[in-house]
């Protein structure tokens, strides 16, 4: 849902995933 990214997790995440799909509606 894209609300829980923070300074601790955002870099490790984007280093390992290819795509991010955020539900916005």
PDBML (XML) file of the C-alpha atoms, coordinates in Angstrom:
<?xml version="1.0" encoding="UTF-8" ?>
<PDBx:datablock datablockName="MODEL"
   xmlns:PDBx="http://pdbml.pdb.org/schema/pdbx-v50.xsd"
   xmlns:xsi="http://www.w3.org/2001/XMLSchema-instance"
   xsi:schemaLocation="http://pdbml.pdb.org/schema/pdbx-v50.xsd pdbx-v50.xsd">
   <PDBx:atom_siteCategory>
      <PDBx:atom_site id="1">
         <PDBx:B_iso_or_equiv>0.00</PDBx:B_iso_or_equiv>
         <PDBx:Cartn_x>0.000</PDBx:Cartn_x>
         <PDBx:Cartn_y>0.000</PDBx:Cartn_y>
         <PDBx:Cartn_z>0.000</PDBx:Cartn_z>
         <PDBx:auth_asym_id>A</PDBx:auth_asym_id>
         <PDBx:auth_atom_id>CA</PDBx:auth_atom_id>
         <PDBx:auth_comp_id>UNK</PDBx:auth_comp_id>
         <PDBx:auth_seq_id>1</PDBx:auth_seq_id>
         <PDBx:group_PDB>ATOM</PDBx:group_PDB>
         <PDBx:label_alt_id xsi:nil="true" />
         <PDBx:label_asym_id>A</PDBx:label_asym_id>
         <PDBx:label_atom_id>CA</PDBx:label_atom_id>
         <PDBx:label_comp_id>UNK</PDBx:label_comp_id>
         <PDBx:label_entity_id>1</PDBx:label_entity_id>
         <PDBx:label_seq_id>1</PDBx:label_seq_id>
         <PDBx:occupancy>1.00</PDBx:occupancy>
         <PDBx:pdbx_PDB_model_num>1</PDBx:pdbx_PDB_model_num>
         <PDBx:type_symbol>C</PDBx:type_symbol>
      </PDBx:atom_site>
      <PDBx:atom_site id="2">
         <PDBx:B_iso_or_equiv>0.00</PDBx:B_iso_or_equiv>
         <PDBx:Cartn_x>3.086</PDBx:Cartn_x>
         <PDBx:Cartn_y>2.210</PDBx:Cartn_y>
         <PDBx:Cartn_z>-0.095</PDBx:Cartn_z>
         <PDBx:auth_asym_id>A</PDBx:auth_asym_id>
         <PDBx:auth_atom_id>CA</PDBx:auth_atom_id>
         <PDBx:auth_comp_id>UNK</PDBx:auth_comp_id>
         <PDBx:auth_seq_id>2</PDBx:auth_seq_id>
         <PDBx:group_PDB>ATOM</PDBx:group_PDB>
         <PDBx:label_alt_id xsi:nil="true" />
         <PDBx:label_asym_id>A</PDBx:label_asym_id>
         <PDBx:label_atom_id>CA</PDBx:label_atom_id>
         <PDBx:label_comp_id>UNK</PDBx:label_comp_id>
         <PDBx:label_entity_id>1</PDBx:label_entity_id>
         <PDBx:label_seq_id>2</PDBx:label_seq_id>
         <PDBx:occupancy>1.00</PDBx:occupancy>
         <PDBx:pdbx_PDB_model_num>1</PDBx:pdbx_PDB_model_num>
         <PDBx:type_symbol>C</PDBx:type_symbol>
      </PDBx:atom_site>
      <PDBx:atom_site id="3">
         <PDBx:B_iso_or_equiv>0.00</PDBx:B_iso_or_equiv>
         <PDBx:Cartn_x>2.667</PDBx:Cartn_x>
         <PDBx:Cartn_y>3.772</PDBx:Cartn_y>
         <PDBx:Cartn_z>3.349</PDBx:Cartn_z>
         <PDBx:auth_asym_id>A</PDBx:auth_asym_id>
         <PDBx:auth_atom_id>CA</PDBx:auth_atom_id>
         <PDBx:auth_comp_id>UNK</PDBx:auth_comp_id>
         <PDBx:auth_seq_id>3</PDBx:auth_seq_id>
         <PDBx:group_PDB>ATOM</PDBx:group_PDB>
         <PDBx:label_alt_id xsi:nil="true" />
         <PDBx:label_asym_id>A</PDBx:label_asym_id>
         <PDBx:label_atom_id>CA</PDBx:label_atom_id>
         <PDBx:label_comp_id>UNK</PDBx:label_comp_id>
         <PDBx:label_entity_id>1</PDBx:label_entity_id>
         <PDBx:label_seq_id>3</PDBx:label_seq_id>
         <PDBx:occupancy>1.00</PDBx:occupancy>
         <PDBx:pdbx_PDB_model_num>1</PDBx:pdbx_PDB_model_num>
         <PDBx:type_symbol>C</PDBx:type_symbol>
      </PDBx:atom_site>
      <PDBx:atom_site id="4">
         <PDBx:B_iso_or_equiv>0.00</PDBx:B_iso_or_equiv>
         <PDBx:Cartn_x>5.348</PDBx:Cartn_x>
         <PDBx:Cartn_y>1.944</PDBx:Cartn_y>
         <PDBx:Cartn_z>5.323</PDBx:Cartn_z>
         <PDBx:auth_asym_id>A</PDBx:auth_asym_id>
         <PDBx:auth_atom_id>CA</PDBx:auth_atom_id>
         <PDBx:auth_comp_id>UNK</PDBx:auth_comp_id>
         <PDBx:auth_seq_id>4</PDBx:auth_seq_id>
         <PDBx:group_PDB>ATOM</PDBx:group_PDB>
         <PDBx:label_alt_id xsi:nil="true" />
         <PDBx:label_asym_id>A</PDBx:label_asym_id>
         <PDBx:label_atom_id>CA</PDBx:label_atom_id>
         <PDBx:label_comp_id>UNK</PDBx:label_comp_id>
         <PDBx:label_entity_id>1</PDBx:label_entity_id>
         <PDBx:label_seq_id>4</PDBx:label_seq_id>
         <PDBx:occupancy>1.00</PDBx:occupancy>
         <PDBx:pdbx_PDB_model_num>1</PDBx:pdbx_PDB_model_num>
         <PDBx:type_symbol>C</PDBx:type_symbol>
      </PDBx:atom_site>
      <PDBx:atom_site id="5">
         <PDBx:B_iso_or_equiv>0.00</PDBx:B_iso_or_equiv>
         <PDBx:Cartn_x>8.535</PDBx:Cartn_x>
         <PDBx:Cartn_y>2.811</PDBx:Cartn_y>
         <PDBx:Cartn_z>3.464</PDBx:Cartn_z>
         <PDBx:auth_asym_id>A</PDBx:auth_asym_id>
         <PDBx:auth_atom_id>CA</PDBx:auth_atom_id>
         <PDBx:auth_comp_id>UNK</PDBx:auth_comp_id>
         <PDBx:auth_seq_id>5</PDBx:auth_seq_id>
         <PDBx:group_PDB>ATOM</PDBx:group_PDB>
         <PDBx:label_alt_id xsi:nil="true" />
         <PDBx:label_asym_id>A</PDBx:label_asym_id>
         <PDBx:label_atom_id>CA</PDBx:label_atom_id>
         <PDBx:label_comp_id>UNK</PDBx:label_comp_id>
         <PDBx:label_entity_id>1</PDBx:label_entity_id>
         <PDBx:label_seq_id>5</PDBx:label_seq_id>
         <PDBx:occupancy>1.00</PDBx:occupancy>
         <PDBx:pdbx_PDB_model_num>1</PDBx:pdbx_PDB_model_num>
         <PDBx:type_symbol>C</PDBx:type_symbol>
      </PDBx:atom_site>
      <PDBx:atom_site id="6">
         <PDBx:B_iso_or_equiv>0.00</PDBx:B_iso_or_equiv>
         <PDBx:Cartn_x>11.069</PDBx:Cartn_x>
         <PDBx:Cartn_y>4.465</PDBx:Cartn_y>
         <PDBx:Cartn_z>5.759</PDBx:Cartn_z>
         <PDBx:auth_asym_id>A</PDBx:auth_asym_id>
         <PDBx:auth_atom_id>CA</PDBx:auth_atom_id>
         <PDBx:auth_comp_id>UNK</PDBx:auth_comp_id>
         <PDBx:auth_seq_id>6</PDBx:auth_seq_id>
         <PDBx:group_PDB>ATOM</PDBx:group_PDB>
         <PDBx:label_alt_id xsi:nil="true" />
         <PDBx:label_asym_id>A</PDBx:label_asym_id>
         <PDBx:label_atom_id>CA</PDBx:label_atom_id>
         <PDBx:label_comp_id>UNK</PDBx:label_comp_id>
         <PDBx:label_entity_id>1</PDBx:label_entity_id>
         <PDBx:label_seq_id>6</PDBx:label_seq_id>
         <PDBx:occupancy>1.00</PDBx:occupancy>
         <PDBx:pdbx_PDB_model_num>1</PDBx:pdbx_PDB_model_num>
         <PDBx:type_symbol>C</PDBx:type_symbol>
      </PDBx:atom_site>
      <PDBx:atom_site id="7">
         <PDBx:B_iso_or_equiv>0.00</PDBx:B_iso_or_equiv>
         <PDBx:Cartn_x>14.746</PDBx:Cartn_x>
         <PDBx:Cartn_y>5.371</PDBx:Cartn_y>
         <PDBx:Cartn_z>5.907</PDBx:Cartn_z>
         <PDBx:auth_asym_id>A</PDBx:auth_asym_id>
         <PDBx:auth_atom_id>CA</PDBx:auth_atom_id>
         <PDBx:auth_comp_id>UNK</PDBx:auth_comp_id>
         <PDBx:auth_seq_id>7</PDBx:auth_seq_id>
         <PDBx:group_PDB>ATOM</PDBx:group_PDB>
         <PDBx:label_alt_id xsi:nil="true" />
         <PDBx:label_asym_id>A</PDBx:label_asym_id>
         <PDBx:label_atom_id>CA</PDBx:label_atom_id>
         <PDBx:label_comp_id>UNK</PDBx:label_comp_id>
         <PDBx:label_entity_id>1</PDBx:label_entity_id>
         <PDBx:label_seq_id>7</PDBx:label_seq_id>
         <PDBx:occupancy>1.00</PDBx:occupancy>
         <PDBx:pdbx_PDB_model_num>1</PDBx:pdbx_PDB_model_num>
         <PDBx:type_symbol>C</PDBx:type_symbol>
      </PDBx:atom_site>
      <PDBx:atom_site id="8">
         <PDBx:B_iso_or_equiv>0.00</PDBx:B_iso_or_equiv>
         <PDBx:Cartn_x>15.630</PDBx:Cartn_x>
         <PDBx:Cartn_y>1.931</PDBx:Cartn_y>
         <PDBx:Cartn_z>7.293</PDBx:Cartn_z>
         <PDBx:auth_asym_id>A</PDBx:auth_asym_id>
         <PDBx:auth_atom_id>CA</PDBx:auth_atom_id>
         <PDBx:auth_comp_id>UNK</PDBx:auth_comp_id>
         <PDBx:auth_seq_id>8</PDBx:auth_seq_id>
         <PDBx:group_PDB>ATOM</PDBx:group_PDB>
         <PDBx:label_alt_id xsi:nil="true" />
         <PDBx:label_asym_id>A</PDBx:label_asym_id>
         <PDBx:label_atom_id>CA</PDBx:label_atom_id>
         <PDBx:label_comp_id>UNK</PDBx:label_comp_id>
         <PDBx:label_entity_id>1</PDBx:label_entity_id>
         <PDBx:label_seq_id>8</PDBx:label_seq_id>
         <PDBx:occupancy>1.00</PDBx:occupancy>
         <PDBx:pdbx_PDB_model_num>1</PDBx:pdbx_PDB_model_num>
         <PDBx:type_symbol>C</PDBx:type_symbol>
      </PDBx:atom_site>
      <PDBx:atom_site id="9">
         <PDBx:B_iso_or_equiv>0.00</PDBx:B_iso_or_equiv>
         <PDBx:Cartn_x>13.877</PDBx:Cartn_x>
         <PDBx:Cartn_y>-0.282</PDBx:Cartn_y>
         <PDBx:Cartn_z>4.753</PDBx:Cartn_z>
         <PDBx:auth_asym_id>A</PDBx:auth_asym_id>
         <PDBx:auth_atom_id>CA</PDBx:auth_atom_id>
         <PDBx:auth_comp_id>UNK</PDBx:auth_comp_id>
         <PDBx:auth_seq_id>9</PDBx:auth_seq_id>
         <PDBx:group_PDB>ATOM</PDBx:group_PDB>
         <PDBx:label_alt_id xsi:nil="true" />
         <PDBx:label_asym_id>A</PDBx:label_asym_id>
         <PDBx:label_atom_id>CA</PDBx:label_atom_id>
         <PDBx:label_comp_id>UNK</PDBx:label_comp_id>
         <PDBx:label_entity_id>1</PDBx:label_entity_id>
         <PDBx:label_seq_id>9</PDBx:label_seq_id>
         <PDBx:occupancy>1.00</PDBx:occupancy>
         <PDBx:pdbx_PDB_model_num>1</PDBx:pdbx_PDB_model_num>
         <PDBx:type_symbol>C</PDBx:type_symbol>
      </PDBx:atom_site>
      <PDBx:atom_site id="10">
         <PDBx:B_iso_or_equiv>0.00</PDBx:B_iso_or_equiv>
         <PDBx:Cartn_x>13.679</PDBx:Cartn_x>
         <PDBx:Cartn_y>1.630</PDBx:Cartn_y>
         <PDBx:Cartn_z>1.491</PDBx:Cartn_z>
         <PDBx:auth_asym_id>A</PDBx:auth_asym_id>
         <PDBx:auth_atom_id>CA</PDBx:auth_atom_id>
         <PDBx:auth_comp_id>UNK</PDBx:auth_comp_id>
         <PDBx:auth_seq_id>10</PDBx:auth_seq_id>
         <PDBx:group_PDB>ATOM</PDBx:group_PDB>
         <PDBx:label_alt_id xsi:nil="true" />
         <PDBx:label_asym_id>A</PDBx:label_asym_id>
         <PDBx:label_atom_id>CA</PDBx:label_atom_id>
         <PDBx:label_comp_id>UNK</PDBx:label_comp_id>
         <PDBx:label_entity_id>1</PDBx:label_entity_id>
         <PDBx:label_seq_id>10</PDBx:label_seq_id>
         <PDBx:occupancy>1.00</PDBx:occupancy>
         <PDBx:pdbx_PDB_model_num>1</PDBx:pdbx_PDB_model_num>
         <PDBx:type_symbol>C</PDBx:type_symbol>
      </PDBx:atom_site>
      <PDBx:atom_site id="11">
         <PDBx:B_iso_or_equiv>0.00</PDBx:B_iso_or_equiv>
         <PDBx:Cartn_x>17.269</PDBx:Cartn_x>
         <PDBx:Cartn_y>1.080</PDBx:Cartn_y>
         <PDBx:Cartn_z>0.285</PDBx:Cartn_z>
         <PDBx:auth_asym_id>A</PDBx:auth_asym_id>
         <PDBx:auth_atom_id>CA</PDBx:auth_atom_id>
         <PDBx:auth_comp_id>UNK</PDBx:auth_comp_id>
         <PDBx:auth_seq_id>11</PDBx:auth_seq_id>
         <PDBx:group_PDB>ATOM</PDBx:group_PDB>
         <PDBx:label_alt_id xsi:nil="true" />
         <PDBx:label_asym_id>A</PDBx:label_asym_id>
         <PDBx:label_atom_id>CA</PDBx:label_atom_id>
         <PDBx:label_comp_id>UNK</PDBx:label_comp_id>
         <PDBx:label_entity_id>1</PDBx:label_entity_id>
         <PDBx:label_seq_id>11</PDBx:label_seq_id>
         <PDBx:occupancy>1.00</PDBx:occupancy>
         <PDBx:pdbx_PDB_model_num>1</PDBx:pdbx_PDB_model_num>
         <PDBx:type_symbol>C</PDBx:type_symbol>
      </PDBx:atom_site>
      <PDBx:atom_site id="12">
         <PDBx:B_iso_or_equiv>0.00</PDBx:B_iso_or_equiv>
         <PDBx:Cartn_x>17.436</PDBx:Cartn_x>
         <PDBx:Cartn_y>-2.673</PDBx:Cartn_y>
         <PDBx:Cartn_z>1.116</PDBx:Cartn_z>
         <PDBx:auth_asym_id>A</PDBx:auth_asym_id>
         <PDBx:auth_atom_id>CA</PDBx:auth_atom_id>
         <PDBx:auth_comp_id>UNK</PDBx:auth_comp_id>
         <PDBx:auth_seq_id>12</PDBx:auth_seq_id>
         <PDBx:group_PDB>ATOM</PDBx:group_PDB>
         <PDBx:label_alt_id xsi:nil="true" />
         <PDBx:label_asym_id>A</PDBx:label_asym_id>
         <PDBx:label_atom_id>CA</PDBx:label_atom_id>
         <PDBx:label_comp_id>UNK</PDBx:label_comp_id>
         <PDBx:label_entity_id>1</PDBx:label_entity_id>
         <PDBx:label_seq_id>12</PDBx:label_seq_id>
         <PDBx:occupancy>1.00</PDBx:occupancy>
         <PDBx:pdbx_PDB_model_num>1</PDBx:pdbx_PDB_model_num>
         <PDBx:type_symbol>C</PDBx:type_symbol>
      </PDBx:atom_site>
      <PDBx:atom_site id="13">
         <PDBx:B_iso_or_equiv>0.00</PDBx:B_iso_or_equiv>
         <PDBx:Cartn_x>14.100</PDBx:Cartn_x>
         <PDBx:Cartn_y>-3.119</PDBx:Cartn_y>
         <PDBx:Cartn_z>-0.666</PDBx:Cartn_z>
         <PDBx:auth_asym_id>A</PDBx:auth_asym_id>
         <PDBx:auth_atom_id>CA</PDBx:auth_atom_id>
         <PDBx:auth_comp_id>UNK</PDBx:auth_comp_id>
         <PDBx:auth_seq_id>13</PDBx:auth_seq_id>
         <PDBx:group_PDB>ATOM</PDBx:group_PDB>
         <PDBx:label_alt_id xsi:nil="true" />
         <PDBx:label_asym_id>A</PDBx:label_asym_id>
         <PDBx:label_atom_id>CA</PDBx:label_atom_id>
         <PDBx:label_comp_id>UNK</PDBx:label_comp_id>
         <PDBx:label_entity_id>1</PDBx:label_entity_id>
         <PDBx:label_seq_id>13</PDBx:label_seq_id>
         <PDBx:occupancy>1.00</PDBx:occupancy>
         <PDBx:pdbx_PDB_model_num>1</PDBx:pdbx_PDB_model_num>
         <PDBx:type_symbol>C</PDBx:type_symbol>
      </PDBx:atom_site>
      <PDBx:atom_site id="14">
         <PDBx:B_iso_or_equiv>0.00</PDBx:B_iso_or_equiv>
         <PDBx:Cartn_x>14.968</PDBx:Cartn_x>
         <PDBx:Cartn_y>-1.348</PDBx:Cartn_y>
         <PDBx:Cartn_z>-3.912</PDBx:Cartn_z>
         <PDBx:auth_asym_id>A</PDBx:auth_asym_id>
         <PDBx:auth_atom_id>CA</PDBx:auth_atom_id>
         <PDBx:auth_comp_id>UNK</PDBx:auth_comp_id>
         <PDBx:auth_seq_id>14</PDBx:auth_seq_id>
         <PDBx:group_PDB>ATOM</PDBx:group_PDB>
         <PDBx:label_alt_id xsi:nil="true" />
         <PDBx:label_asym_id>A</PDBx:label_asym_id>
         <PDBx:label_atom_id>CA</PDBx:label_atom_id>
         <PDBx:label_comp_id>UNK</PDBx:label_comp_id>
         <PDBx:label_entity_id>1</PDBx:label_entity_id>
         <PDBx:label_seq_id>14</PDBx:label_seq_id>
         <PDBx:occupancy>1.00</PDBx:occupancy>
         <PDBx:pdbx_PDB_model_num>1</PDBx:pdbx_PDB_model_num>
         <PDBx:type_symbol>C</PDBx:type_symbol>
      </PDBx:atom_site>
      <PDBx:atom_site id="15">
         <PDBx:B_iso_or_equiv>0.00</PDBx:B_iso_or_equiv>
         <PDBx:Cartn_x>18.300</PDBx:Cartn_x>
         <PDBx:Cartn_y>-3.185</PDBx:Cartn_y>
         <PDBx:Cartn_z>-4.040</PDBx:Cartn_z>
         <PDBx:auth_asym_id>A</PDBx:auth_asym_id>
         <PDBx:auth_atom_id>CA</PDBx:auth_atom_id>
         <PDBx:auth_comp_id>UNK</PDBx:auth_comp_id>
         <PDBx:auth_seq_id>15</PDBx:auth_seq_id>
         <PDBx:group_PDB>ATOM</PDBx:group_PDB>
         <PDBx:label_alt_id xsi:nil="true" />
         <PDBx:label_asym_id>A</PDBx:label_asym_id>
         <PDBx:label_atom_id>CA</PDBx:label_atom_id>
         <PDBx:label_comp_id>UNK</PDBx:label_comp_id>
         <PDBx:label_entity_id>1</PDBx:label_entity_id>
         <PDBx:label_seq_id>15</PDBx:label_seq_id>
         <PDBx:occupancy>1.00</PDBx:occupancy>
         <PDBx:pdbx_PDB_model_num>1</PDBx:pdbx_PDB_model_num>
         <PDBx:type_symbol>C</PDBx:type_symbol>
      </PDBx:atom_site>
      <PDBx:atom_site id="16">
         <PDBx:B_iso_or_equiv>0.00</PDBx:B_iso_or_equiv>
         <PDBx:Cartn_x>16.463</PDBx:Cartn_x>
         <PDBx:Cartn_y>-6.531</PDBx:Cartn_y>
         <PDBx:Cartn_z>-4.213</PDBx:Cartn_z>
         <PDBx:auth_asym_id>A</PDBx:auth_asym_id>
         <PDBx:auth_atom_id>CA</PDBx:auth_atom_id>
         <PDBx:auth_comp_id>UNK</PDBx:auth_comp_id>
         <PDBx:auth_seq_id>16</PDBx:auth_seq_id>
         <PDBx:group_PDB>ATOM</PDBx:group_PDB>
         <PDBx:label_alt_id xsi:nil="true" />
         <PDBx:label_asym_id>A</PDBx:label_asym_id>
         <PDBx:label_atom_id>CA</PDBx:label_atom_id>
         <PDBx:label_comp_id>UNK</PDBx:label_comp_id>
         <PDBx:label_entity_id>1</PDBx:label_entity_id>
         <PDBx:label_seq_id>16</PDBx:label_seq_id>
         <PDBx:occupancy>1.00</PDBx:occupancy>
         <PDBx:pdbx_PDB_model_num>1</PDBx:pdbx_PDB_model_num>
         <PDBx:type_symbol>C</PDBx:type_symbol>
      </PDBx:atom_site>
      <PDBx:atom_site id="17">
         <PDBx:B_iso_or_equiv>0.00</PDBx:B_iso_or_equiv>
         <PDBx:Cartn_x>13.140</PDBx:Cartn_x>
         <PDBx:Cartn_y>-6.026</PDBx:Cartn_y>
         <PDBx:Cartn_z>-6.000</PDBx:Cartn_z>
         <PDBx:auth_asym_id>A</PDBx:auth_asym_id>
         <PDBx:auth_atom_id>CA</PDBx:auth_atom_id>
         <PDBx:auth_comp_id>UNK</PDBx:auth_comp_id>
         <PDBx:auth_seq_id>17</PDBx:auth_seq_id>
         <PDBx:group_PDB>ATOM</PDBx:group_PDB>
         <PDBx:label_alt_id xsi:nil="true" />
         <PDBx:label_asym_id>A</PDBx:label_asym_id>
         <PDBx:label_atom_id>CA</PDBx:label_atom_id>
         <PDBx:label_comp_id>UNK</PDBx:label_comp_id>
         <PDBx:label_entity_id>1</PDBx:label_entity_id>
         <PDBx:label_seq_id>17</PDBx:label_seq_id>
         <PDBx:occupancy>1.00</PDBx:occupancy>
         <PDBx:pdbx_PDB_model_num>1</PDBx:pdbx_PDB_model_num>
         <PDBx:type_symbol>C</PDBx:type_symbol>
      </PDBx:atom_site>
      <PDBx:atom_site id="18">
         <PDBx:B_iso_or_equiv>0.00</PDBx:B_iso_or_equiv>
         <PDBx:Cartn_x>12.541</PDBx:Cartn_x>
         <PDBx:Cartn_y>-5.378</PDBx:Cartn_y>
         <PDBx:Cartn_z>-9.686</PDBx:Cartn_z>
         <PDBx:auth_asym_id>A</PDBx:auth_asym_id>
         <PDBx:auth_atom_id>CA</PDBx:auth_atom_id>
         <PDBx:auth_comp_id>UNK</PDBx:auth_comp_id>
         <PDBx:auth_seq_id>18</PDBx:auth_seq_id>
         <PDBx:group_PDB>ATOM</PDBx:group_PDB>
         <PDBx:label_alt_id xsi:nil="true" />
         <PDBx:label_asym_id>A</PDBx:label_asym_id>
         <PDBx:label_atom_id>CA</PDBx:label_atom_id>
         <PDBx:label_comp_id>UNK</PDBx:label_comp_id>
         <PDBx:label_entity_id>1</PDBx:label_entity_id>
         <PDBx:label_seq_id>18</PDBx:label_seq_id>
         <PDBx:occupancy>1.00</PDBx:occupancy>
         <PDBx:pdbx_PDB_model_num>1</PDBx:pdbx_PDB_model_num>
         <PDBx:type_symbol>C</PDBx:type_symbol>
      </PDBx:atom_site>
      <PDBx:atom_site id="19">
         <PDBx:B_iso_or_equiv>0.00</PDBx:B_iso_or_equiv>
         <PDBx:Cartn_x>9.103</PDBx:Cartn_x>
         <PDBx:Cartn_y>-3.796</PDBx:Cartn_y>
         <PDBx:Cartn_z>-9.445</PDBx:Cartn_z>
         <PDBx:auth_asym_id>A</PDBx:auth_asym_id>
         <PDBx:auth_atom_id>CA</PDBx:auth_atom_id>
         <PDBx:auth_comp_id>UNK</PDBx:auth_comp_id>
         <PDBx:auth_seq_id>19</PDBx:auth_seq_id>
         <PDBx:group_PDB>ATOM</PDBx:group_PDB>
         <PDBx:label_alt_id xsi:nil="true" />
         <PDBx:label_asym_id>A</PDBx:label_asym_id>
         <PDBx:label_atom_id>CA</PDBx:label_atom_id>
         <PDBx:label_comp_id>UNK</PDBx:label_comp_id>
         <PDBx:label_entity_id>1</PDBx:label_entity_id>
         <PDBx:label_seq_id>19</PDBx:label_seq_id>
         <PDBx:occupancy>1.00</PDBx:occupancy>
         <PDBx:pdbx_PDB_model_num>1</PDBx:pdbx_PDB_model_num>
         <PDBx:type_symbol>C</PDBx:type_symbol>
      </PDBx:atom_site>
      <PDBx:atom_site id="20">
         <PDBx:B_iso_or_equiv>0.00</PDBx:B_iso_or_equiv>
         <PDBx:Cartn_x>6.947</PDBx:Cartn_x>
         <PDBx:Cartn_y>-2.132</PDBx:Cartn_y>
         <PDBx:Cartn_z>-6.812</PDBx:Cartn_z>
         <PDBx:auth_asym_id>A</PDBx:auth_asym_id>
         <PDBx:auth_atom_id>CA</PDBx:auth_atom_id>
         <PDBx:auth_comp_id>UNK</PDBx:auth_comp_id>
         <PDBx:auth_seq_id>20</PDBx:auth_seq_id>
         <PDBx:group_PDB>ATOM</PDBx:group_PDB>
         <PDBx:label_alt_id xsi:nil="true" />
         <PDBx:label_asym_id>A</PDBx:label_asym_id>
         <PDBx:label_atom_id>CA</PDBx:label_atom_id>
         <PDBx:label_comp_id>UNK</PDBx:label_comp_id>
         <PDBx:label_entity_id>1</PDBx:label_entity_id>
         <PDBx:label_seq_id>20</PDBx:label_seq_id>
         <PDBx:occupancy>1.00</PDBx:occupancy>
         <PDBx:pdbx_PDB_model_num>1</PDBx:pdbx_PDB_model_num>
         <PDBx:type_symbol>C</PDBx:type_symbol>
      </PDBx:atom_site>
      <PDBx:atom_site id="21">
         <PDBx:B_iso_or_equiv>0.00</PDBx:B_iso_or_equiv>
         <PDBx:Cartn_x>3.182</PDBx:Cartn_x>
         <PDBx:Cartn_y>-2.194</PDBx:Cartn_y>
         <PDBx:Cartn_z>-7.284</PDBx:Cartn_z>
         <PDBx:auth_asym_id>A</PDBx:auth_asym_id>
         <PDBx:auth_atom_id>CA</PDBx:auth_atom_id>
         <PDBx:auth_comp_id>UNK</PDBx:auth_comp_id>
         <PDBx:auth_seq_id>21</PDBx:auth_seq_id>
         <PDBx:group_PDB>ATOM</PDBx:group_PDB>
         <PDBx:label_alt_id xsi:nil="true" />
         <PDBx:label_asym_id>A</PDBx:label_asym_id>
         <PDBx:label_atom_id>CA</PDBx:label_atom_id>
         <PDBx:label_comp_id>UNK</PDBx:label_comp_id>
         <PDBx:label_entity_id>1</PDBx:label_entity_id>
         <PDBx:label_seq_id>21</PDBx:label_seq_id>
         <PDBx:occupancy>1.00</PDBx:occupancy>
         <PDBx:pdbx_PDB_model_num>1</PDBx:pdbx_PDB_model_num>
         <PDBx:type_symbol>C</PDBx:type_symbol>
      </PDBx:atom_site>
      <PDBx:atom_site id="22">
         <PDBx:B_iso_or_equiv>0.00</PDBx:B_iso_or_equiv>
         <PDBx:Cartn_x>1.391</PDBx:Cartn_x>
         <PDBx:Cartn_y>0.287</PDBx:Cartn_y>
         <PDBx:Cartn_z>-5.017</PDBx:Cartn_z>
         <PDBx:auth_asym_id>A</PDBx:auth_asym_id>
         <PDBx:auth_atom_id>CA</PDBx:auth_atom_id>
         <PDBx:auth_comp_id>UNK</PDBx:auth_comp_id>
         <PDBx:auth_seq_id>22</PDBx:auth_seq_id>
         <PDBx:group_PDB>ATOM</PDBx:group_PDB>
         <PDBx:label_alt_id xsi:nil="true" />
         <PDBx:label_asym_id>A</PDBx:label_asym_id>
         <PDBx:label_atom_id>CA</PDBx:label_atom_id>
         <PDBx:label_comp_id>UNK</PDBx:label_comp_id>
         <PDBx:label_entity_id>1</PDBx:label_entity_id>
         <PDBx:label_seq_id>22</PDBx:label_seq_id>
         <PDBx:occupancy>1.00</PDBx:occupancy>
         <PDBx:pdbx_PDB_model_num>1</PDBx:pdbx_PDB_model_num>
         <PDBx:type_symbol>C</PDBx:type_symbol>
      </PDBx:atom_site>
      <PDBx:atom_site id="23">
         <PDBx:B_iso_or_equiv>0.00</PDBx:B_iso_or_equiv>
         <PDBx:Cartn_x>-2.356</PDBx:Cartn_x>
         <PDBx:Cartn_y>0.024</PDBx:Cartn_y>
         <PDBx:Cartn_z>-4.465</PDBx:Cartn_z>
         <PDBx:auth_asym_id>A</PDBx:auth_asym_id>
         <PDBx:auth_atom_id>CA</PDBx:auth_atom_id>
         <PDBx:auth_comp_id>UNK</PDBx:auth_comp_id>
         <PDBx:auth_seq_id>23</PDBx:auth_seq_id>
         <PDBx:group_PDB>ATOM</PDBx:group_PDB>
         <PDBx:label_alt_id xsi:nil="true" />
         <PDBx:label_asym_id>A</PDBx:label_asym_id>
         <PDBx:label_atom_id>CA</PDBx:label_atom_id>
         <PDBx:label_comp_id>UNK</PDBx:label_comp_id>
         <PDBx:label_entity_id>1</PDBx:label_entity_id>
         <PDBx:label_seq_id>23</PDBx:label_seq_id>
         <PDBx:occupancy>1.00</PDBx:occupancy>
         <PDBx:pdbx_PDB_model_num>1</PDBx:pdbx_PDB_model_num>
         <PDBx:type_symbol>C</PDBx:type_symbol>
      </PDBx:atom_site>
      <PDBx:atom_site id="24">
         <PDBx:B_iso_or_equiv>0.00</PDBx:B_iso_or_equiv>
         <PDBx:Cartn_x>-3.846</PDBx:Cartn_x>
         <PDBx:Cartn_y>3.523</PDBx:Cartn_y>
         <PDBx:Cartn_z>-4.454</PDBx:Cartn_z>
         <PDBx:auth_asym_id>A</PDBx:auth_asym_id>
         <PDBx:auth_atom_id>CA</PDBx:auth_atom_id>
         <PDBx:auth_comp_id>UNK</PDBx:auth_comp_id>
         <PDBx:auth_seq_id>24</PDBx:auth_seq_id>
         <PDBx:group_PDB>ATOM</PDBx:group_PDB>
         <PDBx:label_alt_id xsi:nil="true" />
         <PDBx:label_asym_id>A</PDBx:label_asym_id>
         <PDBx:label_atom_id>CA</PDBx:label_atom_id>
         <PDBx:label_comp_id>UNK</PDBx:label_comp_id>
         <PDBx:label_entity_id>1</PDBx:label_entity_id>
         <PDBx:label_seq_id>24</PDBx:label_seq_id>
         <PDBx:occupancy>1.00</PDBx:occupancy>
         <PDBx:pdbx_PDB_model_num>1</PDBx:pdbx_PDB_model_num>
         <PDBx:type_symbol>C</PDBx:type_symbol>
      </PDBx:atom_site>
      <PDBx:atom_site id="25">
         <PDBx:B_iso_or_equiv>0.00</PDBx:B_iso_or_equiv>
         <PDBx:Cartn_x>-7.488</PDBx:Cartn_x>
         <PDBx:Cartn_y>3.265</PDBx:Cartn_y>
         <PDBx:Cartn_z>-5.621</PDBx:Cartn_z>
         <PDBx:auth_asym_id>A</PDBx:auth_asym_id>
         <PDBx:auth_atom_id>CA</PDBx:auth_atom_id>
         <PDBx:auth_comp_id>UNK</PDBx:auth_comp_id>
         <PDBx:auth_seq_id>25</PDBx:auth_seq_id>
         <PDBx:group_PDB>ATOM</PDBx:group_PDB>
         <PDBx:label_alt_id xsi:nil="true" />
         <PDBx:label_asym_id>A</PDBx:label_asym_id>
         <PDBx:label_atom_id>CA</PDBx:label_atom_id>
         <PDBx:label_comp_id>UNK</PDBx:label_comp_id>
         <PDBx:label_entity_id>1</PDBx:label_entity_id>
         <PDBx:label_seq_id>25</PDBx:label_seq_id>
         <PDBx:occupancy>1.00</PDBx:occupancy>
         <PDBx:pdbx_PDB_model_num>1</PDBx:pdbx_PDB_model_num>
         <PDBx:type_symbol>C</PDBx:type_symbol>
      </PDBx:atom_site>
   </PDBx:atom_siteCategory>
</PDBx:datablock>
